[in-house]
Amino acid sequence: MLVTRVEAEVGGVMLPYGPAALCAVEREIPVPGAMFGIDEDGVTTLRQLQLAVPLHTGTHTAIFAFSTEDVDQWDNYLQVMAEILRTVSADEPETEPHSTAAEPAAG
């Protein structure tokens, strides 16, 4: 696949878990019209956020990535990703999820 243009912003961010590296990339990607049953080829813009979180073990990295062609909603998607990344934890997950809803009565 041929990529016609790539722009990227890179940097670091501090998460509750610890430091992470981020890269926001925007690409213009040719789309063959034949994929959609039309004669003319087109171009689409794809934006992606990649976040590399070094794990506390020191030997591995977790990569989180989000991609969209809906670049008009990018800021909203970033807010969602930020909320997700705030939940990254070194703590082991609980074996049973909590429920704030009342248990149904036996009947």
PDB file of N, CA and C in Angstrom:
ATOM      1  N   MET A   1       0.844  -1.166   0.000  1.00  0.00           N
ATOM      2  CA  MET A   1       0.000   0.000   0.000  1.00  0.00           C
ATOM      3  C   MET A   1       0.893   1.235   0.000  1.00  0.00           C
ATOM      4  N   LEU A   2       0.627   2.170  -0.838  1.00  0.00           N
ATOM      5  CA  LEU A   2       1.387   3.401  -0.957  1.00  0.00           C
ATOM      6  C   LEU A   2       0.807   4.462  -0.035  1.00  0.00           C
ATOM      7  N   VAL A   3       1.648   5.063   0.786  1.00  0.00           N
ATOM      8  CA  VAL A   3       1.236   6.161   1.645  1.00  0.00           C
ATOM      9  C   VAL A   3       1.749   7.436   1.008  1.00  0.00           C
ATOM     10  N   THR A   4       0.850   8.397   0.759  1.00  0.00           N
ATOM     11  CA  THR A   4       1.256   9.593   0.040  1.00  0.00           C
ATOM     12  C   THR A   4       1.796  10.697   0.933  1.00  0.00           C
ATOM     13  N   ARG A   5       1.338  10.783   2.190  1.00  0.00           N
ATOM     14  CA  ARG A   5       1.801  11.837   3.089  1.00  0.00           C
ATOM     15  C   ARG A   5       1.670  11.339   4.516  1.00  0.00           C
ATOM     16  N   VAL A   6       2.695  11.609   5.343  1.00  0.00           N
ATOM     17  CA  VAL A   6       2.644  11.222   6.746  1.00  0.00           C
ATOM     18  C   VAL A   6       3.099  12.406   7.584  1.00  0.00           C
ATOM     19  N   GLU A   7       2.317  12.727   8.617  1.00  0.00           N
ATOM     20  CA  GLU A   7       2.701  13.735   9.602  1.00  0.00           C
ATOM     21  C   GLU A   7       2.609  13.081  10.967  1.00  0.00           C
ATOM     22  N   ALA A   8       3.545  13.405  11.860  1.00  0.00           N
ATOM     23  CA  ALA A   8       3.510  12.800  13.185  1.00  0.00           C
ATOM     24  C   ALA A   8       3.927  13.816  14.241  1.00  0.00           C
ATOM     25  N   GLU A   9       3.335  13.666  15.424  1.00  0.00           N
ATOM     26  CA  GLU A   9       3.745  14.410  16.603  1.00  0.00           C
ATOM     27  C   GLU A   9       4.141  13.377  17.636  1.00  0.00           C
ATOM     28  N   VAL A  10       5.300  13.557  18.255  1.00  0.00           N
ATOM     29  CA  VAL A  10       5.771  12.608  19.252  1.00  0.00           C
ATOM     30  C   VAL A  10       6.084  13.351  20.540  1.00  0.00           C
ATOM     31  N   GLY A  11       6.012  12.634  21.644  1.00  0.00           N
ATOM     32  CA  GLY A  11       6.307  13.257  22.926  1.00  0.00           C
ATOM     33  C   GLY A  11       6.162  12.262  24.050  1.00  0.00           C
ATOM     34  N   GLY A  12       6.195  12.777  25.249  1.00  0.00           N
ATOM     35  CA  GLY A  12       6.035  11.949  26.427  1.00  0.00           C
ATOM     36  C   GLY A  12       4.864  12.449  27.245  1.00  0.00           C
ATOM     37  N   VAL A  13       4.321  11.558  28.048  1.00  0.00           N
ATOM     38  CA  VAL A  13       3.195  11.897  28.905  1.00  0.00           C
ATOM     39  C   VAL A  13       3.342  11.108  30.203  1.00  0.00           C
ATOM     40  N   MET A  14       2.888  11.687  31.302  1.00  0.00           N
ATOM     41  CA  MET A  14       2.922  10.994  32.581  1.00  0.00           C
ATOM     42  C   MET A  14       1.517  10.484  32.885  1.00  0.00           C
ATOM     43  N   LEU A  15       1.402   9.174  32.983  1.00  0.00           N
ATOM     44  CA  LEU A  15       0.142   8.532  33.347  1.00  0.00           C
ATOM     45  C   LEU A  15       0.188   8.186  34.830  1.00  0.00           C
ATOM     46  N   PRO A  16      -0.956   7.895  35.440  1.00  0.00           N
ATOM     47  CA  PRO A  16      -0.907   7.430  36.831  1.00  0.00           C
ATOM     48  C   PRO A  16       0.014   6.218  36.991  1.00  0.00           C
ATOM     49  N   TYR A  17       0.120   5.378  35.968  1.00  0.00           N
ATOM     50  CA  TYR A  17       0.987   4.193  35.985  1.00  0.00           C
ATOM     51  C   TYR A  17       2.464   4.572  35.917  1.00  0.00           C
ATOM     52  N   GLY A  18       2.767   5.658  35.215  1.00  0.00           N
ATOM     53  CA  GLY A  18       4.150   6.082  35.029  1.00  0.00           C
ATOM     54  C   GLY A  18       4.316   6.733  33.666  1.00  0.00           C
ATOM     55  N   PRO A  19       5.566   7.003  33.262  1.00  0.00           N
ATOM     56  CA  PRO A  19       5.813   7.689  31.991  1.00  0.00           C
ATOM     57  C   PRO A  19       5.484   6.801  30.785  1.00  0.00           C
ATOM     58  N   ALA A  20       5.087   7.456  29.709  1.00  0.00           N
ATOM     59  CA  ALA A  20       4.780   6.748  28.464  1.00  0.00           C
ATOM     60  C   ALA A  20       5.184   7.634  27.294  1.00  0.00           C
ATOM     61  N   ALA A  21       5.479   7.002  26.170  1.00  0.00           N
ATOM     62  CA  ALA A  21       5.799   7.725  24.936  1.00  0.00           C
ATOM     63  C   ALA A  21       4.577   7.690  24.044  1.00  0.00           C
ATOM     64  N   LEU A  22       4.296   8.820  23.388  1.00  0.00           N
ATOM     65  CA  LEU A  22       3.147   8.831  22.489  1.00  0.00           C
ATOM     66  C   LEU A  22       3.539   9.343  21.124  1.00  0.00           C
ATOM     67  N   CYS A  23       2.776   8.892  20.147  1.00  0.00           N
ATOM     68  CA  CYS A  23       2.972   9.297  18.760  1.00  0.00           C
ATOM     69  C   CYS A  23       1.596   9.429  18.129  1.00  0.00           C
ATOM     70  N   ALA A  24       1.293  10.612  17.629  1.00  0.00           N
ATOM     71  CA  ALA A  24       0.058  10.833  16.881  1.00  0.00           C
ATOM     72  C   ALA A  24       0.455  10.982  15.418  1.00  0.00           C
ATOM     73  N   VAL A  25      -0.127  10.141  14.574  1.00  0.00           N
ATOM     74  CA  VAL A  25       0.244  10.080  13.164  1.00  0.00           C
ATOM     75  C   VAL A  25      -0.978  10.352  12.305  1.00  0.00           C
ATOM     76  N   GLU A  26      -0.775  11.123  11.257  1.00  0.00           N
ATOM     77  CA  GLU A  26      -1.831  11.326  10.265  1.00  0.00           C
ATOM     78  C   GLU A  26      -1.281  10.926   8.904  1.00  0.00           C
ATOM     79  N   ARG A  27      -2.065  10.105   8.212  1.00  0.00           N
ATOM     80  CA  ARG A  27      -1.649   9.622   6.895  1.00  0.00           C
ATOM     81  C   ARG A  27      -2.757   9.867   5.897  1.00  0.00           C
ATOM     82  N   GLU A  28      -2.378  10.226   4.687  1.00  0.00           N
ATOM     83  CA  GLU A  28      -3.314  10.221   3.567  1.00  0.00           C
ATOM     84  C   GLU A  28      -3.044   8.944   2.797  1.00  0.00           C
ATOM     85  N   ILE A  29      -4.072   8.128   2.675  1.00  0.00           N
ATOM     86  CA  ILE A  29      -3.916   6.796   2.090  1.00  0.00           C
ATOM     87  C   ILE A  29      -4.771   6.693   0.842  1.00  0.00           C
ATOM     88  N   PRO A  30      -4.173   6.296  -0.289  1.00  0.00           N
ATOM     89  CA  PRO A  30      -4.971   6.103  -1.502  1.00  0.00           C
ATOM     90  C   PRO A  30      -5.931   4.918  -1.320  1.00  0.00           C
ATOM     91  N   VAL A  31      -7.132   5.081  -1.820  1.00  0.00           N
ATOM     92  CA  VAL A  31      -8.138   4.018  -1.752  1.00  0.00           C
ATOM     93  C   VAL A  31      -8.566   3.694  -3.176  1.00  0.00           C
ATOM     94  N   PRO A  32      -8.279   2.502  -3.662  1.00  0.00           N
ATOM     95  CA  PRO A  32      -8.694   2.125  -5.012  1.00  0.00           C
ATOM     96  C   PRO A  32     -10.226   2.090  -5.104  1.00  0.00           C
ATOM     97  N   GLY A  33     -10.775   2.776  -6.090  1.00  0.00           N
ATOM     98  CA  GLY A  33     -12.217   2.793  -6.292  1.00  0.00           C
ATOM     99  C   GLY A  33     -12.793   1.404  -6.456  1.00  0.00           C
ATOM    100  N   ALA A  34     -12.014   0.495  -7.020  1.00  0.00           N
ATOM    101  CA  ALA A  34     -12.481  -0.871  -7.243  1.00  0.00           C
ATOM    102  C   ALA A  34     -12.902  -1.545  -5.943  1.00  0.00           C
ATOM    103  N   MET A  35     -12.332  -1.121  -4.808  1.00  0.00           N
ATOM    104  CA  MET A  35     -12.728  -1.693  -3.520  1.00  0.00           C
ATOM    105  C   MET A  35     -14.189  -1.411  -3.207  1.00  0.00           C
ATOM    106  N   PHE A  36     -14.711  -0.325  -3.787  1.00  0.00           N
ATOM    107  CA  PHE A  36     -16.084   0.081  -3.516  1.00  0.00           C
ATOM    108  C   PHE A  36     -16.967  -0.011  -4.755  1.00  0.00           C
ATOM    109  N   GLY A  37     -16.437  -0.639  -5.804  1.00  0.00           N
ATOM    110  CA  GLY A  37     -17.216  -0.821  -7.015  1.00  0.00           C
ATOM    111  C   GLY A  37     -17.424   0.452  -7.819  1.00  0.00           C
ATOM    112  N   ILE A  38     -16.475   1.392  -7.701  1.00  0.00           N
ATOM    113  CA  ILE A  38     -16.552   2.626  -8.485  1.00  0.00           C
ATOM    114  C   ILE A  38     -15.286   2.764  -9.325  1.00  0.00           C
ATOM    115  N   ASP A  39     -15.380   3.591 -10.362  1.00  0.00           N
ATOM    116  CA  ASP A  39     -14.255   3.726 -11.284  1.00  0.00           C
ATOM    117  C   ASP A  39     -13.116   4.586 -10.739  1.00  0.00           C
ATOM    118  N   GLU A  40     -13.457   5.634  -9.989  1.00  0.00           N
ATOM    119  CA  GLU A  40     -12.425   6.585  -9.573  1.00  0.00           C
ATOM    120  C   GLU A  40     -11.781   6.187  -8.246  1.00  0.00           C
ATOM    121  N   ASP A  41     -10.468   6.353  -8.194  1.00  0.00           N
ATOM    122  CA  ASP A  41      -9.736   6.145  -6.951  1.00  0.00           C
ATOM    123  C   ASP A  41      -9.923   7.364  -6.060  1.00  0.00           C
ATOM    124  N   GLY A  42      -9.718   7.197  -4.775  1.00  0.00           N
ATOM    125  CA  GLY A  42      -9.846   8.302  -3.833  1.00  0.00           C
ATOM    126  C   GLY A  42      -8.706   8.295  -2.846  1.00  0.00           C
ATOM    127  N   VAL A  43      -8.800   9.190  -1.883  1.00  0.00           N
ATOM    128  CA  VAL A  43      -7.808   9.300  -0.813  1.00  0.00           C
ATOM    129  C   VAL A  43      -8.583   9.470   0.490  1.00  0.00           C
ATOM    130  N   THR A  44      -8.133   8.799   1.535  1.00  0.00           N
ATOM    131  CA  THR A  44      -8.735   8.979   2.852  1.00  0.00           C
ATOM    132  C   THR A  44      -7.650   9.400   3.829  1.00  0.00           C
ATOM    133  N   THR A  45      -8.047  10.151   4.844  1.00  0.00           N
ATOM    134  CA  THR A  45      -7.125  10.559   5.894  1.00  0.00           C
ATOM    135  C   THR A  45      -7.361   9.667   7.102  1.00  0.00           C
ATOM    136  N   LEU A  46      -6.289   9.095   7.614  1.00  0.00           N
ATOM    137  CA  LEU A  46      -6.349   8.222   8.781  1.00  0.00           C
ATOM    138  C   LEU A  46      -5.496   8.849   9.873  1.00  0.00           C
ATOM    139  N   ARG A  47      -6.062   8.987  11.066  1.00  0.00           N
ATOM    140  CA  ARG A  47      -5.295   9.469  12.216  1.00  0.00           C
ATOM    141  C   ARG A  47      -5.163   8.342  13.216  1.00  0.00           C
ATOM    142  N   GLN A  48      -3.988   8.239  13.826  1.00  0.00           N
ATOM    143  CA  GLN A  48      -3.758   7.193  14.814  1.00  0.00           C
ATOM    144  C   GLN A  48      -2.978   7.751  15.996  1.00  0.00           C
ATOM    145  N   LEU A  49      -3.394   7.323  17.185  1.00  0.00           N
ATOM    146  CA  LEU A  49      -2.652   7.605  18.410  1.00  0.00           C
ATOM    147  C   LEU A  49      -2.036   6.295  18.877  1.00  0.00           C
ATOM    148  N   GLN A  50      -0.734   6.314  19.096  1.00  0.00           N
ATOM    149  CA  GLN A  50      -0.025   5.147  19.630  1.00  0.00           C
ATOM    150  C   GLN A  50       0.627   5.570  20.932  1.00  0.00           C
ATOM    151  N   LEU A  51       0.475   4.757  21.952  1.00  0.00           N
ATOM    152  CA  LEU A  51       1.058   5.060  23.245  1.00  0.00           C
ATOM    153  C   LEU A  51       1.828   3.838  23.719  1.00  0.00           C
ATOM    154  N   ALA A  52       3.103   4.024  24.014  1.00  0.00           N
ATOM    155  CA  ALA A  52       3.965   2.934  24.484  1.00  0.00           C
ATOM    156  C   ALA A  52       4.197   3.110  25.980  1.00  0.00           C
ATOM    157  N   VAL A  53       3.746   2.130  26.746  1.00  0.00           N
ATOM    158  CA  VAL A  53       3.867   2.162  28.203  1.00  0.00           C
ATOM    159  C   VAL A  53       4.870   1.097  28.635  1.00  0.00           C
ATOM    160  N   PRO A  54       6.065   1.510  29.106  1.00  0.00           N
ATOM    161  CA  PRO A  54       7.025   0.526  29.599  1.00  0.00           C
ATOM    162  C   PRO A  54       6.463  -0.145  30.851  1.00  0.00           C
ATOM    163  N   LEU A  55       6.437  -1.474  30.851  1.00  0.00           N
ATOM    164  CA  LEU A  55       5.905  -2.185  32.005  1.00  0.00           C
ATOM    165  C   LEU A  55       6.915  -2.180  33.142  1.00  0.00           C
ATOM    166  N   HIS A  56       6.417  -2.218  34.367  1.00  0.00           N
ATOM    167  CA  HIS A  56       7.288  -2.132  35.534  1.00  0.00           C
ATOM    168  C   HIS A  56       8.277  -3.281  35.631  1.00  0.00           C
ATOM    169  N   THR A  57       8.027  -4.364  34.920  1.00  0.00           N
ATOM    170  CA  THR A  57       8.984  -5.476  34.927  1.00  0.00           C
ATOM    171  C   THR A  57      10.289  -5.084  34.243  1.00  0.00           C
ATOM    172  N   GLY A  58      10.229  -4.060  33.402  1.00  0.00           N
ATOM    173  CA  GLY A  58      11.426  -3.576  32.732  1.00  0.00           C
ATOM    174  C   GLY A  58      11.788  -4.328  31.471  1.00  0.00           C
ATOM    175  N   THR A  59      11.042  -5.363  31.124  1.00  0.00           N
ATOM    176  CA  THR A  59      11.413  -6.163  29.959  1.00  0.00           C
ATOM    177  C   THR A  59      10.397  -6.110  28.829  1.00  0.00           C
ATOM    178  N   HIS A  60       9.262  -5.481  29.040  1.00  0.00           N
ATOM    179  CA  HIS A  60       8.222  -5.443  28.022  1.00  0.00           C
ATOM    180  C   HIS A  60       7.555  -4.066  27.980  1.00  0.00           C
ATOM    181  N   THR A  61       6.859  -3.829  26.891  1.00  0.00           N
ATOM    182  CA  THR A  61       6.128  -2.584  26.707  1.00  0.00           C
ATOM    183  C   THR A  61       4.719  -2.909  26.226  1.00  0.00           C
ATOM    184  N   ALA A  62       3.750  -2.227  26.782  1.00  0.00           N
ATOM    185  CA  ALA A  62       2.370  -2.355  26.291  1.00  0.00           C
ATOM    186  C   ALA A  62       2.129  -1.225  25.295  1.00  0.00           C
ATOM    187  N   ILE A  63       1.559  -1.566  24.151  1.00  0.00           N
ATOM    188  CA  ILE A  63       1.250  -0.580  23.127  1.00  0.00           C
ATOM    189  C   ILE A  63      -0.265  -0.433  23.030  1.00  0.00           C
ATOM    190  N   PHE A  64      -0.743   0.786  23.178  1.00  0.00           N
ATOM    191  CA  PHE A  64      -2.150   1.099  23.006  1.00  0.00           C
ATOM    192  C   PHE A  64      -2.261   1.919  21.729  1.00  0.00           C
ATOM    193  N   ALA A  65      -3.222   1.587  20.871  1.00  0.00           N
ATOM    194  CA  ALA A  65      -3.373   2.313  19.604  1.00  0.00           C
ATOM    195  C   ALA A  65      -4.844   2.524  19.311  1.00  0.00           C
ATOM    196  N   PHE A  66      -5.142   3.684  18.753  1.00  0.00           N
ATOM    197  CA  PHE A  66      -6.493   4.005  18.315  1.00  0.00           C
ATOM    198  C   PHE A  66      -6.374   4.676  16.956  1.00  0.00           C
ATOM    199  N   SER A  67      -7.175   4.228  15.987  1.00  0.00           N
ATOM    200  CA  SER A  67      -7.159   4.793  14.634  1.00  0.00           C
ATOM    201  C   SER A  67      -8.571   5.159  14.218  1.00  0.00           C
ATOM    202  N   THR A  68      -8.684   6.225  13.419  1.00  0.00           N
ATOM    203  CA  THR A  68      -9.984   6.619  12.887  1.00  0.00           C
ATOM    204  C   THR A  68      -9.813   7.433  11.612  1.00  0.00           C
ATOM    205  N   GLU A  69     -10.818   7.337  10.752  1.00  0.00           N
ATOM    206  CA  GLU A  69     -10.927   8.240   9.607  1.00  0.00           C
ATOM    207  C   GLU A  69     -11.807   9.436   9.964  1.00  0.00           C
ATOM    208  N   ASP A  70     -12.479   9.379  11.095  1.00  0.00           N
ATOM    209  CA  ASP A  70     -13.389  10.443  11.539  1.00  0.00           C
ATOM    210  C   ASP A  70     -12.583  11.527  12.258  1.00  0.00           C
ATOM    211  N   VAL A  71     -11.723  12.220  11.514  1.00  0.00           N
ATOM    212  CA  VAL A  71     -10.812  13.189  12.117  1.00  0.00           C
ATOM    213  C   VAL A  71     -11.546  14.400  12.699  1.00  0.00           C
ATOM    214  N   ASP A  72     -12.780  14.653  12.272  1.00  0.00           N
ATOM    215  CA  ASP A  72     -13.548  15.764  12.838  1.00  0.00           C
ATOM    216  C   ASP A  72     -13.869  15.529  14.309  1.00  0.00           C
ATOM    217  N   GLN A  73     -13.893  14.263  14.739  1.00  0.00           N
ATOM    218  CA  GLN A  73     -14.200  13.926  16.133  1.00  0.00           C
ATOM    219  C   GLN A  73     -12.942  13.584  16.941  1.00  0.00           C
ATOM    220  N   TRP A  74     -11.776  13.877  16.395  1.00  0.00           N
ATOM    221  CA  TRP A  74     -10.509  13.479  17.008  1.00  0.00           C
ATOM    222  C   TRP A  74     -10.405  13.907  18.473  1.00  0.00           C
ATOM    223  N   ASP A  75     -10.751  15.147  18.785  1.00  0.00           N
ATOM    224  CA  ASP A  75     -10.626  15.624  20.169  1.00  0.00           C
ATOM    225  C   ASP A  75     -11.500  14.800  21.121  1.00  0.00           C
ATOM    226  N   ASN A  76     -12.687  14.423  20.678  1.00  0.00           N
ATOM    227  CA  ASN A  76     -13.559  13.585  21.510  1.00  0.00           C
ATOM    228  C   ASN A  76     -12.937  12.209  21.731  1.00  0.00           C
ATOM    229  N   TYR A  77     -12.351  11.638  20.673  1.00  0.00           N
ATOM    230  CA  TYR A  77     -11.706  10.334  20.797  1.00  0.00           C
ATOM    231  C   TYR A  77     -10.497  10.401  21.729  1.00  0.00           C
ATOM    232  N   LEU A  78      -9.761  11.514  21.690  1.00  0.00           N
ATOM    233  CA  LEU A  78      -8.617  11.669  22.595  1.00  0.00           C
ATOM    234  C   LEU A  78      -9.070  11.668  24.050  1.00  0.00           C
ATOM    235  N   GLN A  79     -10.200  12.296  24.330  1.00  0.00           N
ATOM    236  CA  GLN A  79     -10.722  12.309  25.698  1.00  0.00           C
ATOM    237  C   GLN A  79     -11.068  10.891  26.158  1.00  0.00           C
ATOM    238  N   VAL A  80     -11.666  10.107  25.275  1.00  0.00           N
ATOM    239  CA  VAL A  80     -11.993   8.718  25.605  1.00  0.00           C
ATOM    240  C   VAL A  80     -10.711   7.926  25.864  1.00  0.00           C
ATOM    241  N   MET A  81      -9.720   8.078  24.987  1.00  0.00           N
ATOM    242  CA  MET A  81      -8.449   7.360  25.168  1.00  0.00           C
ATOM    243  C   MET A  81      -7.770   7.774  26.471  1.00  0.00           C
ATOM    244  N   ALA A  82      -7.805   9.073  26.800  1.00  0.00           N
ATOM    245  CA  ALA A  82      -7.195   9.538  28.045  1.00  0.00           C
ATOM    246  C   ALA A  82      -7.856   8.874  29.248  1.00  0.00           C
ATOM    247  N   GLU A  83      -9.172   8.753  29.237  1.00  0.00           N
ATOM    248  CA  GLU A  83      -9.880   8.090  30.337  1.00  0.00           C
ATOM    249  C   GLU A  83      -9.479   6.622  30.433  1.00  0.00           C
ATOM    250  N   ILE A  84      -9.368   5.959  29.299  1.00  0.00           N
ATOM    251  CA  ILE A  84      -8.951   4.552  29.302  1.00  0.00           C
ATOM    252  C   ILE A  84      -7.537   4.420  29.863  1.00  0.00           C
ATOM    253  N   LEU A  85      -6.626   5.284  29.423  1.00  0.00           N
ATOM    254  CA  LEU A  85      -5.229   5.172  29.839  1.00  0.00           C
ATOM    255  C   LEU A  85      -5.041   5.503  31.311  1.00  0.00           C
ATOM    256  N   ARG A  86      -5.950   6.295  31.877  1.00  0.00           N
ATOM    257  CA  ARG A  86      -5.878   6.579  33.318  1.00  0.00           C
ATOM    258  C   ARG A  86      -6.161   5.325  34.149  1.00  0.00           C
ATOM    259  N   THR A  87      -6.753   4.307  33.547  1.00  0.00           N
ATOM    260  CA  THR A  87      -7.081   3.093  34.284  1.00  0.00           C
ATOM    261  C   THR A  87      -5.965   2.058  34.255  1.00  0.00           C
ATOM    262  N   VAL A  88      -4.896   2.305  33.501  1.00  0.00           N
ATOM    263  CA  VAL A  88      -3.791   1.347  33.442  1.00  0.00           C
ATOM    264  C   VAL A  88      -3.159   1.261  34.831  1.00  0.00           C
ATOM    265  N   SER A  89      -2.985   0.036  35.318  1.00  0.00           N
ATOM    266  CA  SER A  89      -2.514  -0.166  36.681  1.00  0.00           C
ATOM    267  C   SER A  89      -1.572  -1.366  36.745  1.00  0.00           C
ATOM    268  N   ALA A  90      -0.664  -1.323  37.693  1.00  0.00           N
ATOM    269  CA  ALA A  90       0.217  -2.466  37.932  1.00  0.00           C
ATOM    270  C   ALA A  90      -0.433  -3.476  38.870  1.00  0.00           C
ATOM    271  N   ASP A  91      -1.568  -3.101  39.463  1.00  0.00           N
ATOM    272  CA  ASP A  91      -2.263  -4.001  40.378  1.00  0.00           C
ATOM    273  C   ASP A  91      -2.909  -5.144  39.618  1.00  0.00           C
ATOM    274  N   GLU A  92      -2.925  -6.311  40.232  1.00  0.00           N
ATOM    275  CA  GLU A  92      -3.612  -7.461  39.653  1.00  0.00           C
ATOM    276  C   GLU A  92      -5.106  -7.183  39.640  1.00  0.00           C
ATOM    277  N   PRO A  93      -5.793  -7.605  38.584  1.00  0.00           N
ATOM    278  CA  PRO A  93      -7.243  -7.395  38.552  1.00  0.00           C
ATOM    279  C   PRO A  93      -7.926  -8.257  39.609  1.00  0.00           C
ATOM    280  N   GLU A  94      -9.072  -7.785  40.060  1.00  0.00           N
ATOM    281  CA  GLU A  94      -9.852  -8.566  41.006  1.00  0.00           C
ATOM    282  C   GLU A  94     -10.395  -9.793  40.291  1.00  0.00           C
ATOM    283  N   THR A  95     -10.576 -10.874  41.031  1.00  0.00           N
ATOM    284  CA  THR A  95     -11.068 -12.098  40.403  1.00  0.00           C
ATOM    285  C   THR A  95     -12.543 -12.014  40.052  1.00  0.00           C
ATOM    286  N   GLU A  96     -13.312 -11.241  40.807  1.00  0.00           N
ATOM    287  CA  GLU A  96     -14.732 -11.088  40.520  1.00  0.00           C
ATOM    288  C   GLU A  96     -15.029  -9.600  40.384  1.00  0.00           C
ATOM    289  N   PRO A  97     -15.706  -9.210  39.306  1.00  0.00           N
ATOM    290  CA  PRO A  97     -16.022  -7.779  39.150  1.00  0.00           C
ATOM    291  C   PRO A  97     -17.018  -7.334  40.212  1.00  0.00           C
ATOM    292  N   HIS A  98     -16.909  -6.064  40.619  1.00  0.00           N
ATOM    293  CA  HIS A  98     -17.894  -5.532  41.570  1.00  0.00           C
ATOM    294  C   HIS A  98     -19.178  -5.230  40.809  1.00  0.00           C
ATOM    295  N   SER A  99     -20.227  -5.169  41.548  1.00  0.00           N
ATOM    296  CA  SER A  99     -21.491  -4.741  40.979  1.00  0.00           C
ATOM    297  C   SER A  99     -22.106  -3.759  41.946  1.00  0.00           C
ATOM    298  N   THR A 100     -22.467  -2.594  41.445  1.00  0.00           N
ATOM    299  CA  THR A 100     -23.127  -1.617  42.293  1.00  0.00           C
ATOM    300  C   THR A 100     -24.636  -1.825  42.300  1.00  0.00           C
ATOM    301  N   ALA A 101     -25.115  -2.652  41.375  1.00  0.00           N
ATOM    302  CA  ALA A 101     -26.548  -2.937  41.326  1.00  0.00           C
ATOM    303  C   ALA A 101     -26.896  -3.968  42.387  1.00  0.00           C
ATOM    304  N   ALA A 102     -28.083  -3.848  42.931  1.00  0.00           N
ATOM    305  CA  ALA A 102     -28.536  -4.799  43.940  1.00  0.00           C
ATOM    306  C   ALA A 102     -28.746  -6.164  43.276  1.00  0.00           C
ATOM    307  N   GLU A 103     -28.398  -7.205  44.019  1.00  0.00           N
ATOM    308  CA  GLU A 103     -28.603  -8.571  43.523  1.00  0.00           C
ATOM    309  C   GLU A 103     -30.092  -8.846  43.489  1.00  0.00           C
ATOM    310  N   PRO A 104     -30.588  -9.551  42.462  1.00  0.00           N
ATOM    311  CA  PRO A 104     -32.015  -9.882  42.441  1.00  0.00           C
ATOM    312  C   PRO A 104     -32.355 -10.818  43.588  1.00  0.00           C
ATOM    313  N   ALA A 105     -33.530 -10.618  44.154  1.00  0.00           N
ATOM    314  CA  ALA A 105     -33.975 -11.476  45.267  1.00  0.00           C
ATOM    315  C   ALA A 105     -34.314 -12.861  44.752  1.00  0.00           C
ATOM    316  N   ALA A 106     -33.926 -13.851  45.533  1.00  0.00           N
ATOM    317  CA  ALA A 106     -34.270 -15.231  45.165  1.00  0.00           C
ATOM    318  C   ALA A 106     -35.776 -15.414  45.306  1.00  0.00           C
ATOM    319  N   GLY A 107     -36.339 -16.128  44.415  1.00  0.00           N
ATOM    320  CA  GLY A 107     -37.777 -16.204  44.518  1.00  0.00           C
ATOM    321  C   GLY A 107     -38.298 -17.474  44.167  1.00  0.00           C
TER     322      GLY A 107
END
